[in-house]
Amino acid sequence: MFCFRCRNKLVEKNGHLTCMAGDMALSTSMEESLLSRFLNANNSEAAVDMDKLSWYCPGCGETLKDFFCESCDVSLWDLRFQLIEYHPHKNSEGNYF
């Protein structure tokens, strides 16, 4: 599964999926929500991008449009508040966005 902010692969750390580049662990609730939507996620590599204005599909790493992935046909619109407010992500300068 990919980070929805930078496209890095999420790794398991301390029992939670975590973006190591962004120093961001998913909450249990968010992890369950994303795993249920992306059971058959494409595990290929995606290019890493730290563009703070873009959002990426956790399943395939493609850029989301209005929190919707056309490739996976999955919407994250209902999770947008939790993604933004409860999952801060460090950028390349070490600041959270």
N, C-alpha and C. Protein backbone atom coordinates (compact mmCIF):
# COMPACT_ATOMS: atom_id res chain seq x y z
N MET A 1 0.85 -1.16 0.00
CA MET A 1 0.00 0.00 0.00
C MET A 1 0.90 1.24 0.00
N PHE A 2 0.41 2.30 -0.64
CA PHE A 2 1.19 3.52 -0.81
C PHE A 2 0.71 4.64 0.11
N CYS A 3 1.62 5.54 0.45
CA CYS A 3 1.26 6.73 1.22
C CYS A 3 0.41 7.64 0.34
N PHE A 4 -0.65 8.16 0.90
CA PHE A 4 -1.57 9.03 0.15
C PHE A 4 -1.02 10.44 -0.01
N ARG A 5 0.11 10.75 0.62
CA ARG A 5 0.72 12.09 0.49
C ARG A 5 1.98 12.11 -0.37
N CYS A 6 2.79 11.04 -0.37
CA CYS A 6 4.07 11.10 -1.10
C CYS A 6 4.34 9.90 -2.00
N ARG A 7 3.48 8.91 -2.01
CA ARG A 7 3.60 7.70 -2.84
C ARG A 7 4.63 6.69 -2.35
N ASN A 8 5.28 6.93 -1.23
CA ASN A 8 6.19 5.91 -0.70
C ASN A 8 5.38 4.71 -0.25
N LYS A 9 6.01 3.54 -0.30
CA LYS A 9 5.32 2.36 0.22
C LYS A 9 5.20 2.47 1.73
N LEU A 10 4.04 2.10 2.25
CA LEU A 10 3.83 2.06 3.69
C LEU A 10 4.44 0.76 4.21
N VAL A 11 5.06 0.84 5.37
CA VAL A 11 5.66 -0.34 6.00
C VAL A 11 5.04 -0.52 7.38
N GLU A 12 5.05 -1.74 7.84
CA GLU A 12 4.52 -1.99 9.18
C GLU A 12 5.59 -1.64 10.22
N LYS A 13 5.21 -0.79 11.15
CA LYS A 13 6.11 -0.39 12.23
C LYS A 13 5.27 -0.28 13.50
N ASN A 14 5.67 -0.98 14.52
CA ASN A 14 4.95 -0.97 15.80
C ASN A 14 3.48 -1.31 15.63
N GLY A 15 3.19 -2.22 14.71
CA GLY A 15 1.82 -2.69 14.52
C GLY A 15 0.94 -1.79 13.67
N HIS A 16 1.51 -0.75 13.04
CA HIS A 16 0.72 0.16 12.21
C HIS A 16 1.42 0.39 10.88
N LEU A 17 0.62 0.54 9.81
CA LEU A 17 1.20 0.94 8.54
C LEU A 17 1.73 2.36 8.69
N THR A 18 2.96 2.57 8.23
CA THR A 18 3.65 3.84 8.47
C THR A 18 4.36 4.31 7.21
N CYS A 19 4.28 5.62 6.95
CA CYS A 19 5.11 6.23 5.92
C CYS A 19 6.38 6.70 6.61
N MET A 20 7.48 6.05 6.31
CA MET A 20 8.74 6.39 6.97
C MET A 20 9.22 7.78 6.53
N ALA A 21 9.06 8.13 5.26
CA ALA A 21 9.51 9.44 4.76
C ALA A 21 8.75 10.57 5.42
N GLY A 22 7.47 10.36 5.68
CA GLY A 22 6.64 11.41 6.26
C GLY A 22 6.48 11.32 7.76
N ASP A 23 7.13 10.31 8.37
CA ASP A 23 7.02 10.11 9.82
C ASP A 23 5.55 10.09 10.24
N MET A 24 4.74 9.30 9.51
CA MET A 24 3.30 9.27 9.72
C MET A 24 2.80 7.84 9.80
N ALA A 25 2.27 7.48 10.96
CA ALA A 25 1.63 6.18 11.13
C ALA A 25 0.13 6.35 10.93
N LEU A 26 -0.49 5.39 10.28
CA LEU A 26 -1.94 5.42 10.13
C LEU A 26 -2.61 5.02 11.43
N SER A 27 -3.70 5.68 11.74
CA SER A 27 -4.50 5.26 12.89
C SER A 27 -5.10 3.90 12.57
N THR A 28 -5.49 3.17 13.58
CA THR A 28 -6.10 1.86 13.38
C THR A 28 -7.34 1.97 12.52
N SER A 29 -8.15 2.97 12.77
CA SER A 29 -9.37 3.17 12.00
C SER A 29 -9.07 3.45 10.53
N MET A 30 -8.10 4.32 10.25
CA MET A 30 -7.74 4.65 8.87
C MET A 30 -7.14 3.44 8.17
N GLU A 31 -6.30 2.72 8.87
CA GLU A 31 -5.70 1.52 8.30
C GLU A 31 -6.78 0.52 7.89
N GLU A 32 -7.74 0.29 8.76
CA GLU A 32 -8.84 -0.64 8.44
C GLU A 32 -9.65 -0.14 7.25
N SER A 33 -9.94 1.15 7.21
CA SER A 33 -10.72 1.72 6.10
C SER A 33 -9.99 1.55 4.77
N LEU A 34 -8.70 1.86 4.76
CA LEU A 34 -7.94 1.76 3.51
C LEU A 34 -7.73 0.30 3.09
N LEU A 35 -7.43 -0.56 4.04
CA LEU A 35 -7.23 -1.97 3.70
C LEU A 35 -8.51 -2.60 3.15
N SER A 36 -9.66 -2.21 3.67
CA SER A 36 -10.91 -2.77 3.16
C SER A 36 -11.21 -2.29 1.74
N ARG A 37 -10.73 -1.10 1.38
CA ARG A 37 -10.97 -0.56 0.03
C ARG A 37 -9.95 -1.05 -0.99
N PHE A 38 -8.78 -1.41 -0.52
CA PHE A 38 -7.70 -1.76 -1.43
C PHE A 38 -7.17 -3.16 -1.16
N LEU A 39 -8.05 -4.14 -1.06
CA LEU A 39 -7.64 -5.52 -0.81
C LEU A 39 -6.73 -6.04 -1.91
N ASN A 40 -7.00 -5.66 -3.14
CA ASN A 40 -6.23 -6.14 -4.29
C ASN A 40 -5.32 -5.04 -4.82
N ALA A 41 -4.68 -4.33 -3.92
CA ALA A 41 -3.84 -3.19 -4.31
C ALA A 41 -2.69 -3.63 -5.20
N ASN A 42 -2.35 -2.77 -6.15
CA ASN A 42 -1.21 -2.98 -7.02
C ASN A 42 0.04 -2.67 -6.20
N ASN A 43 0.89 -3.65 -6.00
CA ASN A 43 2.07 -3.47 -5.15
C ASN A 43 3.33 -3.11 -5.93
N SER A 44 3.16 -2.63 -7.17
CA SER A 44 4.33 -2.21 -7.94
C SER A 44 4.89 -0.92 -7.34
N GLU A 45 6.03 -0.53 -7.82
CA GLU A 45 6.66 0.70 -7.33
C GLU A 45 6.00 1.92 -7.96
N ALA A 46 5.87 2.97 -7.19
CA ALA A 46 5.37 4.25 -7.69
C ALA A 46 6.45 5.29 -7.46
N ALA A 47 6.51 6.27 -8.35
CA ALA A 47 7.50 7.34 -8.19
C ALA A 47 7.16 8.17 -6.96
N VAL A 48 8.17 8.50 -6.17
CA VAL A 48 7.96 9.30 -4.96
C VAL A 48 7.84 10.77 -5.35
N ASP A 49 6.88 11.44 -4.74
CA ASP A 49 6.63 12.85 -5.04
C ASP A 49 6.24 13.53 -3.74
N MET A 50 6.92 14.60 -3.39
CA MET A 50 6.61 15.32 -2.16
C MET A 50 5.85 16.60 -2.45
N ASP A 51 5.04 16.61 -3.50
CA ASP A 51 4.22 17.78 -3.83
C ASP A 51 3.11 17.88 -2.81
N LYS A 52 3.15 18.93 -1.99
CA LYS A 52 2.19 19.03 -0.89
C LYS A 52 0.77 19.28 -1.36
N LEU A 53 0.58 19.57 -2.64
CA LEU A 53 -0.77 19.82 -3.15
C LEU A 53 -1.42 18.58 -3.73
N SER A 54 -0.66 17.51 -3.91
CA SER A 54 -1.21 16.31 -4.53
C SER A 54 -1.57 15.25 -3.48
N TRP A 55 -2.54 14.45 -3.85
CA TRP A 55 -2.95 13.30 -3.04
C TRP A 55 -2.85 12.08 -3.94
N TYR A 56 -2.46 10.94 -3.35
CA TYR A 56 -2.21 9.75 -4.14
C TYR A 56 -3.03 8.57 -3.64
N CYS A 57 -3.33 7.68 -4.58
CA CYS A 57 -4.10 6.48 -4.26
C CYS A 57 -3.24 5.53 -3.44
N PRO A 58 -3.74 5.09 -2.27
CA PRO A 58 -3.00 4.11 -1.47
C PRO A 58 -2.90 2.76 -2.16
N GLY A 59 -3.80 2.49 -3.10
CA GLY A 59 -3.80 1.20 -3.78
C GLY A 59 -2.81 1.07 -4.91
N CYS A 60 -2.70 2.14 -5.75
CA CYS A 60 -1.84 2.04 -6.93
C CYS A 60 -0.82 3.15 -7.04
N GLY A 61 -0.94 4.22 -6.24
CA GLY A 61 0.02 5.31 -6.27
C GLY A 61 -0.28 6.39 -7.29
N GLU A 62 -1.36 6.23 -8.05
CA GLU A 62 -1.74 7.25 -9.04
C GLU A 62 -2.27 8.49 -8.33
N THR A 63 -2.18 9.64 -9.01
CA THR A 63 -2.69 10.89 -8.45
C THR A 63 -4.21 10.84 -8.35
N LEU A 64 -4.74 11.24 -7.19
CA LEU A 64 -6.19 11.29 -6.99
C LEU A 64 -6.75 12.59 -7.56
N LYS A 65 -7.96 12.53 -8.06
CA LYS A 65 -8.68 13.72 -8.50
C LYS A 65 -9.92 13.82 -7.63
N ASP A 66 -9.99 14.88 -6.83
CA ASP A 66 -11.10 15.03 -5.88
C ASP A 66 -11.25 13.80 -4.99
N PHE A 67 -10.10 13.29 -4.52
CA PHE A 67 -10.05 12.12 -3.63
C PHE A 67 -10.63 10.87 -4.29
N PHE A 68 -10.55 10.77 -5.62
CA PHE A 68 -11.05 9.61 -6.35
C PHE A 68 -9.94 9.06 -7.24
N CYS A 69 -9.75 7.74 -7.20
CA CYS A 69 -8.78 7.08 -8.07
C CYS A 69 -9.52 6.44 -9.23
N GLU A 70 -9.23 6.93 -10.43
CA GLU A 70 -9.87 6.37 -11.61
C GLU A 70 -9.38 4.96 -11.91
N SER A 71 -8.10 4.68 -11.64
CA SER A 71 -7.54 3.36 -11.92
C SER A 71 -8.17 2.27 -11.05
N CYS A 72 -8.34 2.57 -9.76
CA CYS A 72 -8.92 1.58 -8.82
C CYS A 72 -10.43 1.71 -8.70
N ASP A 73 -10.99 2.81 -9.21
CA ASP A 73 -12.41 3.11 -9.10
C ASP A 73 -12.85 3.14 -7.62
N VAL A 74 -12.03 3.85 -6.81
CA VAL A 74 -12.29 3.95 -5.37
C VAL A 74 -12.22 5.41 -4.95
N SER A 75 -13.17 5.83 -4.12
CA SER A 75 -13.20 7.18 -3.60
C SER A 75 -12.75 7.21 -2.14
N LEU A 76 -11.99 8.25 -1.81
CA LEU A 76 -11.60 8.50 -0.42
C LEU A 76 -12.26 9.77 0.08
N TRP A 77 -13.25 10.25 -0.64
CA TRP A 77 -13.92 11.52 -0.30
C TRP A 77 -14.44 11.52 1.14
N ASP A 78 -15.03 10.42 1.58
CA ASP A 78 -15.59 10.36 2.93
C ASP A 78 -14.50 10.33 4.01
N LEU A 79 -13.25 10.08 3.62
CA LEU A 79 -12.14 10.03 4.58
C LEU A 79 -11.29 11.29 4.56
N ARG A 80 -11.64 12.26 3.73
CA ARG A 80 -10.78 13.43 3.54
C ARG A 80 -10.49 14.18 4.83
N PHE A 81 -11.47 14.34 5.71
CA PHE A 81 -11.23 15.06 6.97
C PHE A 81 -10.20 14.32 7.82
N GLN A 82 -10.39 13.02 7.98
CA GLN A 82 -9.45 12.24 8.79
C GLN A 82 -8.06 12.21 8.17
N LEU A 83 -7.99 12.12 6.83
CA LEU A 83 -6.69 12.11 6.16
C LEU A 83 -5.94 13.42 6.40
N ILE A 84 -6.64 14.53 6.30
CA ILE A 84 -6.02 15.85 6.42
C ILE A 84 -5.72 16.20 7.88
N GLU A 85 -6.70 16.05 8.74
CA GLU A 85 -6.57 16.52 10.12
C GLU A 85 -5.82 15.58 11.07
N TYR A 86 -5.94 14.28 10.85
CA TYR A 86 -5.38 13.33 11.82
C TYR A 86 -4.12 12.62 11.34
N HIS A 87 -3.65 12.92 10.13
CA HIS A 87 -2.48 12.23 9.59
C HIS A 87 -1.49 13.23 9.00
N PRO A 88 -0.85 14.05 9.86
CA PRO A 88 0.15 15.00 9.37
C PRO A 88 1.35 14.25 8.78
N HIS A 89 1.94 14.83 7.76
CA HIS A 89 3.01 14.21 7.00
C HIS A 89 4.15 15.21 6.84
N LYS A 90 5.38 14.79 7.10
CA LYS A 90 6.52 15.68 6.92
C LYS A 90 6.84 15.83 5.42
N ASN A 91 7.27 17.03 5.05
CA ASN A 91 7.73 17.24 3.68
C ASN A 91 9.24 17.08 3.64
N SER A 92 9.84 17.36 2.49
CA SER A 92 11.28 17.16 2.33
C SER A 92 12.12 18.09 3.21
N GLU A 93 11.54 19.21 3.67
CA GLU A 93 12.25 20.11 4.58
C GLU A 93 12.05 19.75 6.05
N GLY A 94 11.24 18.73 6.32
CA GLY A 94 10.99 18.32 7.70
C GLY A 94 9.81 19.01 8.35
N ASN A 95 9.08 19.82 7.59
CA ASN A 95 7.88 20.49 8.10
C ASN A 95 6.66 19.61 7.81
N TYR A 96 5.68 19.71 8.66
CA TYR A 96 4.45 18.93 8.45
C TYR A 96 3.50 19.66 7.54
N PHE A 97 2.82 18.90 6.71
CA PHE A 97 1.76 19.45 5.87
C PHE A 97 0.61 18.48 5.83
